[in-house]
Amino acid sequence: MKVKVTLYSLIVLAMIVFICAGVYVAFMNGYIRLNYPSFKDYPVQGIDVSHHQQEIEWDKLDKKKVQFAFIKATEGGNHKDSMFQLNWREARQNKILSGAYHFFTFCKDGEEQARNYIHYVPRDSIDLPPIVDLEYGGNCSPANRKEDLIAEIANYFEIIEDHYQRKVIIYTTNEFYKNYLQHQFPDNPIWIRDIIAKPNLPDGRDWLFWQFSNRGRIDGIDTPVDLNAFNGSREEFEKLLNKKAVVSE
């Protein structure tokens, strides 16, 4: 009897392990996720991409799921994303509204990073406002960070906003927002990452974009890709657009 119970328990345990492993693999490869914001509640949804997505078949993207694309342009003081120019050209040729983002490194001054972005992203080419990525992941070690990080970010914003005449959108994580951005830069829209649940910023601030998955699956992209939703109607989204850049197409 004890042998039968033990064998039965091992079989059940093996089944549980198998199921858990399958769910984990499916989650890590983007086939299931925790957030599924509806198009009824969030009618404008899109993606953000970089060289990590390799070469994208932009003509195969579902235009309902990909109404806009945030494309990595620059990082730090001199790095340029190797796929930016191709992604930028293909997105615009396929009539996907585009914005360019800069990954802000904590060990470079804001002016140097702003000049890098300005040099690479033409002023009249962007449909959506310029974007800055503020997060710990992949960034400089604490020992190498600028002492007054907020001042460097503010300097970056001043130069970028003077050049493009548009408010910078801040992409960030819950952790970085909590530690640095509460009650800071109140006039800059927030694009928040939360792959667990609908965002709720600790200071009650509204957010404009929500990165709800970092491992989505989209036809035309071979790798997992970040999925995003705009917090508003299509009409509200269109108010963000650079009409001159759109018309010029």
Foldseek 3Di string as FASTA:
>chain_A
DVVVVVVVVVVVVVVVVVVVVVVVVCQVQAVDAQDDDDCVQFQDKAFEDACVLPDFQLLQFDCRQHQAYEYEAEEAQAGGGPCRVVVLVSCVVNVRAYEYEYEYAQQHALVSRLVNVPVGDPLLQHFFAYEYEDEDPPHDDPVRGDPCSLVRVVVNQVSRCVRNVDGYEYEYEQVCCVVPPVVHPLVHAYEYEDLNDDDQHPNRHDHFKYFNGAFHDTPRGPGGTTMMGGRDDPVVVNVRTPVSNSVVD
